[in-house]
Amino acid sequence: MQVWKEYQQKNKDRFLEEMLELLRIPSVSAKTEHKKDMRKCADLVKQRLLDAGCDHAEVMETDGHPLVFGEKIIDPAKPTVLVYGHYDVQPPEPLELWHSGPFDPVIKDGKVYARGSADDKGQFFMHVKALETMVQTDSLQTNIKFLIEGEEEVGSPSLAKFVSQHKDLLKTDVILISDSALLSLDTPTLDVGMRGLSYIEVEVTGPNRDLHSGTYGGAVANPITMLSKLIASCHDENNHITIPGFYDDVDDATEEERELLAKAPFDEKEYKEELGVKELWGEKGYTINERTGIRPTLEVNGIWGGYTGEGAKTVLPSKAFAKISCRLVPNQSTDKITNLLIDYFEKNAPEGVVVKAELHHGGEPYVTPIDHPGYKAAAKSIKETFGKDPIPVRGGGSIPICTVLEKELGVKIVFMGFGLDSDNLHSPNEKFNLENYYKGIETIPYFHKFFAESK
């Protein structure tokens, strides 16, 4: 609608500045030192919801960090859309690799660089500005509720309990999430699912203290070496995961799904150049888009032990550690895979060391049917503003709370993200293209219009 575009164009500078204000708050949920920042950010989200037109908004307590709830109810008889997002962000380290301060937003070449810009402050804030647009132009056709949490980046440990206790408050007809990516503005896509997650930490202990590597090297098992061998054994020569039972429950994508996925253009040369790698790696028999969307994976997220300071110290370390995550696909269970992982590492401990593994957090995979009214409304919205139909794809990331939200609230989830895979999520120099930010604000009102018309 022209009235939406006119309002958004008139206020675009303010829309940007308000997003930048959110990005300046270091709301890192993983670190206790940022507890006050988490509260500060939640308070600002509440205020922005009220400013945008919510009739009610409040910061609500959980067993962990607070969350923000807001709502605009125009008519109880009309359909309701629940917008889910998160205001917490990943730790910014390693700081030395940032070109600018992670919490000092910088705009360069049409992109805003800051931690949380695409994941997920910039993306959930599009919905806040879309609400303002509809309220100010008197064109809102659905009820809207907001659930903006502060623990997504640590596995949403408190949210399941909160949702279970507040089903009436959160009652809705569909859940809308913008915490995913488009292939590009030229080739729009919609995620029809997200992979699940199993995240463990492994500790390998050898001698009862660090040893002189000259005196004891060759006689005592080195925990770092043993851990490295264990990790290396998790993949075979075809990069297939070797853990017994890992693939037992995998719901393989149909040929039709693979054909749809293949419609998404992919330039391998450009992909490698953008990442700075000479060759790609992955499970034999699958394309890159399939490896990152419809297939499960096992990755080492961090590994450490021994002396890592300046200069040299010749030690045979007492301990070694690794953080390992698996991305899961439909029908795989995070509990089952976690148990398989822990059993594998503990039962295959080499002689001379003791291995202990434990769960960090996890989440189930999720799929949205493309014939659902919410998905159809999202696809129609994309076509309205992009001028072409979106390609349905599987998202490679994970949103741990999705299956809980569906189970507790009894409705489906629609993913309508406007970030890019190249936005450096969880990495230094995270960015969000301003064109994508504004395109999201332009598109979201159409979702509410088309979803209302479908009911």
Protein backbone atom coordinates (compact mmCIF):
# COMPACT_ATOMS: atom_id res chain seq x y z
CA MET A 1 0.00 0.00 0.00
CA GLN A 2 1.30 3.40 -0.98
CA VAL A 3 0.41 4.91 2.38
CA TRP A 4 2.76 2.43 4.10
CA LYS A 5 5.67 3.28 1.82
CA GLU A 6 5.12 7.01 2.27
CA TYR A 7 5.11 6.71 6.06
CA GLN A 8 8.19 4.50 6.08
CA GLN A 9 10.11 6.75 3.73
CA LYS A 10 9.27 9.80 5.84
CA ASN A 11 10.51 8.09 9.03
CA LYS A 12 13.36 5.91 7.74
CA ASP A 13 16.12 7.93 9.41
CA ARG A 14 14.41 7.61 12.79
CA PHE A 15 13.78 3.89 12.19
CA LEU A 16 17.52 3.48 11.70
CA GLU A 17 18.58 5.55 14.68
CA GLU A 18 16.24 3.63 16.98
CA MET A 19 17.76 0.34 15.82
CA LEU A 20 21.26 1.71 16.42
CA GLU A 21 20.26 2.65 19.96
CA LEU A 22 19.40 -1.01 20.64
CA LEU A 23 22.68 -2.17 19.11
CA ARG A 24 24.71 0.03 21.46
CA ILE A 25 23.59 -2.03 24.47
CA PRO A 26 25.91 -5.05 25.08
CA SER A 27 23.11 -7.50 25.91
CA VAL A 28 25.29 -10.63 26.02
CA SER A 29 23.22 -13.28 27.78
CA ALA A 30 26.11 -15.73 28.18
CA LYS A 31 28.10 -13.45 30.49
CA THR A 32 26.98 -12.55 34.03
CA GLU A 33 28.88 -9.26 33.78
CA HIS A 34 26.18 -8.04 31.36
CA LYS A 35 23.21 -8.65 33.65
CA LYS A 36 22.48 -4.92 33.98
CA ASP A 37 22.83 -4.48 30.23
CA MET A 38 20.24 -7.20 29.69
CA ARG A 39 17.78 -5.36 31.89
CA LYS A 40 18.56 -2.06 30.18
CA CYS A 41 17.92 -3.57 26.77
CA ALA A 42 14.67 -5.19 27.88
CA ASP A 43 13.46 -1.85 29.22
CA LEU A 44 14.24 -0.15 25.92
CA VAL A 45 12.44 -2.85 23.92
CA LYS A 46 9.38 -2.34 26.13
CA GLN A 47 9.46 1.41 25.53
CA ARG A 48 9.81 0.98 21.77
CA LEU A 49 6.81 -1.37 21.71
CA LEU A 50 4.72 1.23 23.52
CA ASP A 51 5.99 3.98 21.21
CA ALA A 52 5.03 1.86 18.18
CA GLY A 53 1.45 1.51 19.32
CA CYS A 54 1.18 -1.44 21.68
CA ASP A 55 -1.66 -0.98 24.14
CA HIS A 56 0.30 -2.89 26.72
CA ALA A 57 3.96 -3.86 27.11
CA GLU A 58 5.94 -5.08 30.09
CA VAL A 59 9.24 -6.60 31.12
CA MET A 60 8.43 -9.99 32.61
CA GLU A 61 10.61 -12.07 34.89
CA THR A 62 11.82 -15.60 34.16
CA ASP A 63 14.17 -17.93 35.99
CA GLY A 64 16.95 -16.25 34.00
CA HIS A 65 17.04 -13.04 32.01
CA PRO A 66 13.78 -11.11 31.62
CA LEU A 67 11.68 -11.15 28.48
CA VAL A 68 9.45 -8.49 26.97
CA PHE A 69 5.79 -8.97 26.14
CA GLY A 70 3.67 -6.51 24.24
CA GLU A 71 0.33 -6.54 22.45
CA LYS A 72 -1.99 -4.53 20.26
CA ILE A 73 -5.50 -5.98 20.27
CA ILE A 74 -7.80 -4.30 17.76
CA ASP A 75 -10.60 -6.87 17.84
CA PRO A 76 -10.65 -10.21 19.72
CA ALA A 77 -12.59 -11.70 16.82
CA LYS A 78 -9.75 -11.00 14.37
CA PRO A 79 -6.76 -13.34 13.91
CA THR A 80 -3.71 -12.85 16.13
CA VAL A 81 -0.06 -12.96 15.10
CA LEU A 82 2.60 -13.61 17.75
CA VAL A 83 5.99 -12.16 16.82
CA TYR A 84 8.91 -13.98 18.45
CA GLY A 85 12.43 -12.57 18.60
CA HIS A 86 15.35 -12.13 20.98
CA TYR A 87 17.23 -9.12 22.26
CA ASP A 88 20.23 -11.05 23.60
CA VAL A 89 23.34 -11.41 21.45
CA GLN A 90 26.39 -13.63 21.11
CA PRO A 91 29.64 -12.71 22.89
CA PRO A 92 31.68 -10.47 20.56
CA GLU A 93 35.05 -12.20 20.96
CA PRO A 94 37.61 -12.27 19.40
CA LEU A 95 37.57 -8.51 19.71
CA GLU A 96 40.80 -7.99 17.79
CA LEU A 97 39.13 -9.18 14.58
CA TRP A 98 36.45 -6.50 14.62
CA HIS A 99 37.02 -3.55 12.30
CA SER A 100 35.05 -1.36 14.70
CA GLY A 101 33.60 -1.71 18.19
CA PRO A 102 31.01 -4.52 18.35
CA PHE A 103 28.67 -2.27 20.33
CA ASP A 104 29.57 0.95 18.54
CA PRO A 105 27.50 0.64 15.34
CA VAL A 106 29.21 1.79 12.17
CA ILE A 107 27.46 2.30 8.83
CA LYS A 108 29.64 1.53 5.83
CA ASP A 109 28.71 0.73 2.22
CA GLY A 110 25.03 0.53 3.07
CA LYS A 111 25.53 -1.91 5.95
CA VAL A 112 25.40 -1.47 9.71
CA TYR A 113 28.21 -3.31 11.50
CA ALA A 114 27.48 -4.28 15.12
CA ARG A 115 26.85 -7.34 17.25
CA GLY A 116 23.15 -8.20 17.06
CA SER A 117 22.48 -6.18 13.91
CA ALA A 118 21.12 -9.20 12.00
CA ASP A 119 20.85 -11.65 14.91
CA ASP A 120 18.34 -10.61 16.05
CA LYS A 121 17.87 -6.99 17.14
CA GLY A 122 17.65 -5.55 13.64
CA GLN A 123 15.30 -8.27 12.49
CA PHE A 124 12.80 -8.26 15.37
CA PHE A 125 12.85 -4.45 15.34
CA MET A 126 11.53 -4.52 11.76
CA HIS A 127 8.30 -5.88 13.23
CA VAL A 128 8.15 -3.06 15.77
CA LYS A 129 8.45 -0.48 13.00
CA ALA A 130 5.96 -2.39 10.85
CA LEU A 131 3.48 -2.19 13.73
CA GLU A 132 4.06 1.55 14.00
CA THR A 133 3.50 1.88 10.26
CA MET A 134 0.15 0.09 10.41
CA VAL A 135 -1.03 1.89 13.53
CA GLN A 136 -0.12 5.33 12.23
CA THR A 137 -1.78 4.67 8.86
CA ASP A 138 -4.85 3.09 10.49
CA SER A 139 -4.42 -0.10 8.47
CA LEU A 140 -3.74 -2.84 11.03
CA GLN A 141 -5.92 -5.88 10.25
CA THR A 142 -4.74 -8.38 12.87
CA ASN A 143 -4.06 -8.42 16.56
CA ILE A 144 -0.32 -8.48 17.27
CA LYS A 145 1.57 -9.86 20.24
CA PHE A 146 5.32 -9.69 20.83
CA LEU A 147 7.45 -12.19 22.74
CA ILE A 148 11.03 -10.90 22.77
CA GLU A 149 13.26 -13.04 24.98
CA GLY A 150 16.73 -12.60 26.42
CA GLU A 151 18.16 -16.13 26.39
CA GLU A 152 17.97 -17.45 22.81
CA GLU A 153 21.74 -17.39 22.39
CA VAL A 154 22.15 -19.68 25.41
CA GLY A 155 19.42 -22.15 24.43
CA SER A 156 16.30 -20.45 25.86
CA PRO A 157 16.50 -22.35 29.18
CA SER A 158 13.76 -20.30 30.89
CA LEU A 159 11.31 -19.79 28.05
CA ALA A 160 9.61 -23.20 27.98
CA LYS A 161 8.45 -22.80 31.57
CA PHE A 162 7.28 -19.24 30.90
CA VAL A 163 5.28 -20.24 27.82
CA SER A 164 3.68 -23.15 29.68
CA GLN A 165 2.61 -20.81 32.48
CA HIS A 166 1.28 -18.04 30.17
CA LYS A 167 -0.61 -19.87 27.43
CA ASP A 168 -3.61 -17.57 27.66
CA LEU A 169 -1.43 -14.46 27.46
CA LEU A 170 0.34 -15.81 24.37
CA LYS A 171 -2.72 -17.27 22.64
CA THR A 172 -2.37 -16.77 18.90
CA ASP A 173 -3.24 -18.09 15.44
CA VAL A 174 0.30 -18.15 14.06
CA ILE A 175 3.85 -17.38 15.20
CA LEU A 176 6.01 -15.17 12.98
CA ILE A 177 9.80 -15.18 13.32
CA SER A 178 12.44 -13.10 11.55
CA ASP A 179 15.67 -14.72 12.72
CA SER A 180 16.78 -16.26 9.45
CA ALA A 181 18.10 -15.25 6.05
CA LEU A 182 17.20 -14.61 2.44
CA LEU A 183 19.40 -15.96 -0.30
CA SER A 184 19.51 -12.41 -1.66
CA LEU A 185 17.27 -9.48 -2.49
CA ASP A 186 17.38 -10.64 -6.12
CA THR A 187 16.47 -14.23 -5.19
CA PRO A 188 14.15 -14.15 -2.18
CA THR A 189 13.70 -17.33 -0.16
CA LEU A 190 11.56 -18.44 2.75
CA ASP A 191 12.73 -20.97 5.29
CA VAL A 192 10.34 -23.88 5.65
CA GLY A 193 12.29 -25.28 8.57
CA MET A 194 15.24 -24.96 10.90
CA ARG A 195 17.70 -27.59 12.03
CA GLY A 196 17.81 -28.77 15.61
CA LEU A 197 20.83 -28.61 17.90
CA SER A 198 22.78 -30.80 20.27
CA TYR A 199 25.67 -29.05 22.03
CA ILE A 200 28.10 -30.82 24.35
CA GLU A 201 31.41 -30.11 26.08
CA VAL A 202 34.12 -32.75 26.33
CA GLU A 203 36.86 -32.88 28.98
CA VAL A 204 39.84 -35.21 28.61
CA THR A 205 42.08 -35.76 31.64
CA GLY A 206 45.46 -37.46 31.60
CA PRO A 207 48.14 -37.02 34.28
CA ASN A 208 47.30 -35.34 37.57
CA ARG A 209 49.26 -32.21 36.63
CA ASP A 210 50.95 -30.58 33.65
CA LEU A 211 54.21 -32.41 32.93
CA HIS A 212 57.57 -31.51 31.39
CA SER A 213 57.19 -32.58 27.76
CA GLY A 214 60.83 -33.59 27.55
CA THR A 215 60.87 -35.72 30.68
CA TYR A 216 57.46 -37.36 30.14
CA GLY A 217 56.74 -36.96 26.43
CA GLY A 218 56.48 -40.36 24.72
CA ALA A 219 55.64 -42.11 27.99
CA VAL A 220 52.34 -40.49 29.00
CA ALA A 221 49.23 -40.01 26.84
CA ASN A 222 48.77 -36.38 25.86
CA PRO A 223 45.12 -35.33 26.45
CA ILE A 224 45.17 -32.91 23.51
CA THR A 225 46.41 -35.63 21.17
CA MET A 226 43.85 -38.11 22.47
CA LEU A 227 41.02 -35.57 22.13
CA SER A 228 42.13 -34.73 18.61
CA LYS A 229 42.06 -38.42 17.66
CA LEU A 230 38.57 -38.81 19.12
CA ILE A 231 37.31 -35.80 17.19
CA ALA A 232 38.96 -36.95 13.96
CA SER A 233 37.26 -40.34 14.30
CA CYS A 234 33.82 -38.70 14.13
CA HIS A 235 33.99 -38.47 10.31
CA ASP A 236 34.99 -41.08 7.72
CA GLU A 237 36.70 -40.59 4.35
CA ASN A 238 33.41 -39.40 2.82
CA ASN A 239 32.87 -36.91 5.66
CA HIS A 240 30.00 -39.06 6.89
CA ILE A 241 29.46 -38.98 10.67
CA THR A 242 30.62 -42.27 12.19
CA ILE A 243 28.82 -42.20 15.54
CA PRO A 244 26.69 -45.39 15.68
CA GLY A 245 22.97 -44.65 15.31
CA PHE A 246 23.49 -41.01 14.34
CA TYR A 247 21.52 -41.26 11.08
CA ASP A 248 18.95 -43.84 12.21
CA ASP A 249 16.05 -41.39 12.51
CA VAL A 250 16.95 -38.95 9.74
CA ASP A 251 13.89 -38.07 7.65
CA ASP A 252 15.51 -37.81 4.23
CA ALA A 253 14.34 -34.98 2.02
CA THR A 254 12.18 -36.05 -0.91
CA GLU A 255 13.31 -35.66 -4.50
CA GLU A 256 10.74 -32.88 -4.86
CA GLU A 257 12.30 -30.99 -1.92
CA ARG A 258 15.77 -31.43 -3.37
CA GLU A 259 14.56 -30.16 -6.74
CA LEU A 260 13.05 -27.07 -5.10
CA LEU A 261 16.27 -26.45 -3.19
CA ALA A 262 18.25 -26.78 -6.42
CA LYS A 263 16.34 -23.83 -7.86
CA ALA A 264 18.23 -21.51 -5.53
CA PRO A 265 21.19 -20.18 -7.53
CA PHE A 266 24.62 -21.05 -6.16
CA ASP A 267 27.98 -19.76 -7.38
CA GLU A 268 30.68 -22.01 -5.89
CA LYS A 269 33.52 -19.74 -7.00
CA GLU A 270 31.93 -16.69 -5.40
CA TYR A 271 31.11 -18.70 -2.28
CA LYS A 272 34.74 -19.78 -1.82
CA GLU A 273 36.11 -16.31 -2.53
CA GLU A 274 33.76 -14.71 0.00
CA LEU A 275 34.90 -17.18 2.67
CA GLY A 276 38.58 -17.10 1.70
CA VAL A 277 38.87 -20.88 1.18
CA LYS A 278 40.30 -22.81 -1.76
CA GLU A 279 38.14 -25.91 -1.43
CA LEU A 280 34.80 -26.79 0.13
CA TRP A 281 34.23 -29.72 2.46
CA GLY A 282 31.27 -31.84 3.39
CA GLU A 283 29.27 -35.04 3.15
CA LYS A 284 29.78 -36.80 -0.16
CA GLY A 285 26.72 -37.11 -2.37
CA TYR A 286 25.09 -33.80 -1.42
CA THR A 287 25.27 -30.25 -2.78
CA ILE A 288 26.44 -27.36 -0.64
CA ASN A 289 22.88 -26.08 -0.14
CA GLU A 290 21.79 -29.58 0.87
CA ARG A 291 24.69 -29.97 3.30
CA THR A 292 23.76 -26.73 5.03
CA GLY A 293 20.00 -27.28 5.07
CA ILE A 294 18.72 -30.85 4.84
CA ARG A 295 21.62 -32.85 6.27
CA PRO A 296 22.80 -33.18 9.89
CA THR A 297 26.31 -32.09 10.84
CA LEU A 298 28.91 -32.36 13.59
CA GLU A 299 31.27 -29.44 14.18
CA VAL A 300 33.95 -28.54 16.72
CA ASN A 301 33.12 -25.07 18.04
CA GLY A 302 36.15 -24.69 20.26
CA ILE A 303 39.17 -26.71 21.46
CA TRP A 304 41.79 -25.82 24.04
CA GLY A 305 44.34 -27.15 26.53
CA GLY A 306 47.94 -26.76 27.58
CA TYR A 307 49.86 -23.54 27.22
CA THR A 308 48.39 -20.92 24.85
CA GLY A 309 50.06 -17.77 26.14
CA GLU A 310 52.84 -15.72 24.63
CA GLY A 311 56.06 -17.48 23.78
CA ALA A 312 56.76 -21.17 24.42
CA LYS A 313 56.24 -23.46 27.37
CA THR A 314 57.12 -27.11 26.89
CA VAL A 315 54.37 -28.91 28.76
CA LEU A 316 52.43 -32.12 28.38
CA PRO A 317 49.03 -30.86 29.59
CA SER A 318 46.91 -32.49 32.23
CA LYS A 319 43.62 -31.65 30.48
CA ALA A 320 42.11 -30.82 27.11
CA PHE A 321 38.63 -29.55 26.27
CA ALA A 322 36.34 -29.17 23.29
CA LYS A 323 32.89 -27.77 22.59
CA ILE A 324 31.03 -29.76 19.93
CA SER A 325 27.68 -29.15 18.29
CA CYS A 326 25.48 -31.14 15.95
CA ARG A 327 22.82 -29.64 13.71
CA LEU A 328 19.87 -31.98 13.44
CA VAL A 329 17.23 -32.54 10.75
CA PRO A 330 13.57 -33.63 10.98
CA ASN A 331 12.86 -36.74 13.04
CA GLN A 332 16.17 -36.59 14.89
CA SER A 333 15.83 -36.09 18.65
CA THR A 334 18.19 -33.77 20.48
CA ASP A 335 18.06 -36.00 23.59
CA LYS A 336 18.89 -39.12 21.61
CA ILE A 337 21.72 -37.51 19.66
CA THR A 338 23.16 -35.93 22.80
CA ASN A 339 23.22 -39.34 24.52
CA LEU A 340 24.86 -40.90 21.45
CA LEU A 341 27.52 -38.19 21.44
CA ILE A 342 28.28 -38.50 25.14
CA ASP A 343 28.41 -42.29 24.95
CA TYR A 344 30.71 -42.17 21.94
CA PHE A 345 33.26 -39.90 23.55
CA GLU A 346 33.21 -41.58 26.95
CA LYS A 347 33.20 -45.19 25.73
CA ASN A 348 35.92 -44.62 23.15
CA ALA A 349 38.33 -42.98 25.57
CA PRO A 350 41.88 -44.08 24.68
CA GLU A 351 43.93 -45.87 27.32
CA GLY A 352 45.71 -43.44 29.61
CA VAL A 353 43.04 -40.74 29.73
CA VAL A 354 39.59 -40.27 31.23
CA VAL A 355 36.89 -38.63 29.12
CA LYS A 356 33.86 -36.80 30.53
CA ALA A 357 31.18 -35.25 28.33
CA GLU A 358 28.11 -33.24 29.26
CA LEU A 359 25.23 -31.38 27.65
CA HIS A 360 25.25 -27.62 27.21
CA HIS A 361 21.90 -27.15 25.49
CA GLY A 362 19.87 -28.33 22.54
CA GLY A 363 16.70 -27.93 20.53
CA GLU A 364 14.55 -29.94 18.17
CA PRO A 365 14.40 -29.45 14.37
CA TYR A 366 11.31 -27.79 12.96
CA VAL A 367 9.44 -27.82 9.62
CA THR A 368 6.56 -25.62 8.38
CA PRO A 369 4.17 -27.03 5.74
CA ILE A 370 4.16 -24.88 2.60
CA ASP A 371 0.38 -25.27 2.36
CA HIS A 372 -0.16 -23.57 5.74
CA PRO A 373 -2.06 -20.24 5.55
CA GLY A 374 0.78 -18.49 7.38
CA TYR A 375 3.38 -19.68 4.89
CA LYS A 376 1.13 -18.71 1.99
CA ALA A 377 0.68 -15.23 3.47
CA ALA A 378 4.45 -14.86 3.84
CA ALA A 379 5.08 -16.03 0.27
CA LYS A 380 2.43 -13.65 -1.07
CA SER A 381 3.99 -10.79 0.94
CA ILE A 382 7.43 -11.48 -0.50
CA LYS A 383 6.03 -11.51 -4.02
CA GLU A 384 4.25 -8.21 -3.35
CA THR A 385 7.43 -6.32 -2.41
CA PHE A 386 10.14 -8.29 -4.25
CA GLY A 387 8.16 -8.87 -7.44
CA LYS A 388 8.84 -12.60 -7.53
CA ASP A 389 7.84 -15.78 -5.72
CA PRO A 390 10.19 -16.89 -2.92
CA ILE A 391 11.98 -20.24 -3.12
CA PRO A 392 11.25 -22.50 -0.12
CA VAL A 393 14.49 -23.62 1.55
CA ARG A 394 15.62 -25.23 4.81
CA GLY A 395 17.49 -22.96 7.20
CA GLY A 396 20.82 -24.27 8.45
CA GLY A 397 20.64 -22.61 11.87
CA SER A 398 18.59 -23.47 14.94
CA ILE A 399 15.97 -21.72 17.05
CA PRO A 400 15.73 -24.07 20.04
CA ILE A 401 12.36 -22.91 21.31
CA CYS A 402 10.34 -23.55 18.11
CA THR A 403 9.01 -27.01 18.94
CA VAL A 404 8.13 -25.89 22.46
CA LEU A 405 6.18 -22.90 21.12
CA GLU A 406 4.19 -25.08 18.75
CA LYS A 407 3.53 -27.76 21.36
CA GLU A 408 2.42 -25.33 24.07
CA LEU A 409 0.46 -22.89 21.91
CA GLY A 410 -0.84 -25.35 19.31
CA VAL A 411 -0.03 -23.25 16.24
CA LYS A 412 2.49 -23.30 13.41
CA ILE A 413 5.55 -21.08 12.99
CA VAL A 414 6.37 -19.06 9.88
CA PHE A 415 9.97 -17.98 9.26
CA MET A 416 10.33 -14.72 7.33
CA GLY A 417 13.89 -13.54 7.74
CA PHE A 418 15.59 -10.69 5.91
CA GLY A 419 19.23 -11.24 6.81
CA LEU A 420 21.87 -12.82 4.58
CA ASP A 421 24.05 -15.87 5.15
CA SER A 422 27.03 -13.55 4.68
CA ASP A 423 26.03 -11.32 7.61
CA ASN A 424 28.73 -12.84 9.87
CA LEU A 425 26.32 -14.12 12.47
CA HIS A 426 28.19 -15.22 15.63
CA SER A 427 31.41 -13.88 14.04
CA PRO A 428 33.38 -10.63 14.18
CA ASN A 429 32.01 -7.81 12.00
CA GLU A 430 28.39 -8.93 12.09
CA LYS A 431 26.38 -6.76 9.72
CA PHE A 432 22.88 -6.09 8.42
CA ASN A 433 22.24 -4.47 5.05
CA LEU A 434 20.13 -1.34 5.44
CA GLU A 435 18.28 -2.23 2.24
CA ASN A 436 17.26 -5.54 3.84
CA TYR A 437 16.19 -3.78 7.03
CA TYR A 438 13.92 -1.40 5.15
CA LYS A 439 12.65 -4.17 2.87
CA GLY A 440 11.58 -6.13 5.95
CA ILE A 441 9.66 -3.15 7.33
CA GLU A 442 8.02 -2.75 3.91
CA THR A 443 7.07 -6.43 3.60
CA ILE A 444 5.83 -7.32 7.10
CA PRO A 445 2.60 -5.27 6.96
CA TYR A 446 1.56 -7.28 3.91
CA PHE A 447 1.86 -10.47 5.95
CA HIS A 448 -0.70 -9.17 8.42
CA LYS A 449 -2.98 -8.06 5.58
CA PHE A 450 -2.81 -11.38 3.71
CA PHE A 451 -3.03 -13.51 6.85
CA ALA A 452 -6.15 -11.63 7.96
CA GLU A 453 -7.68 -12.19 4.54
CA SER A 454 -6.98 -15.93 4.76
CA LYS A 455 -8.97 -16.42 7.96
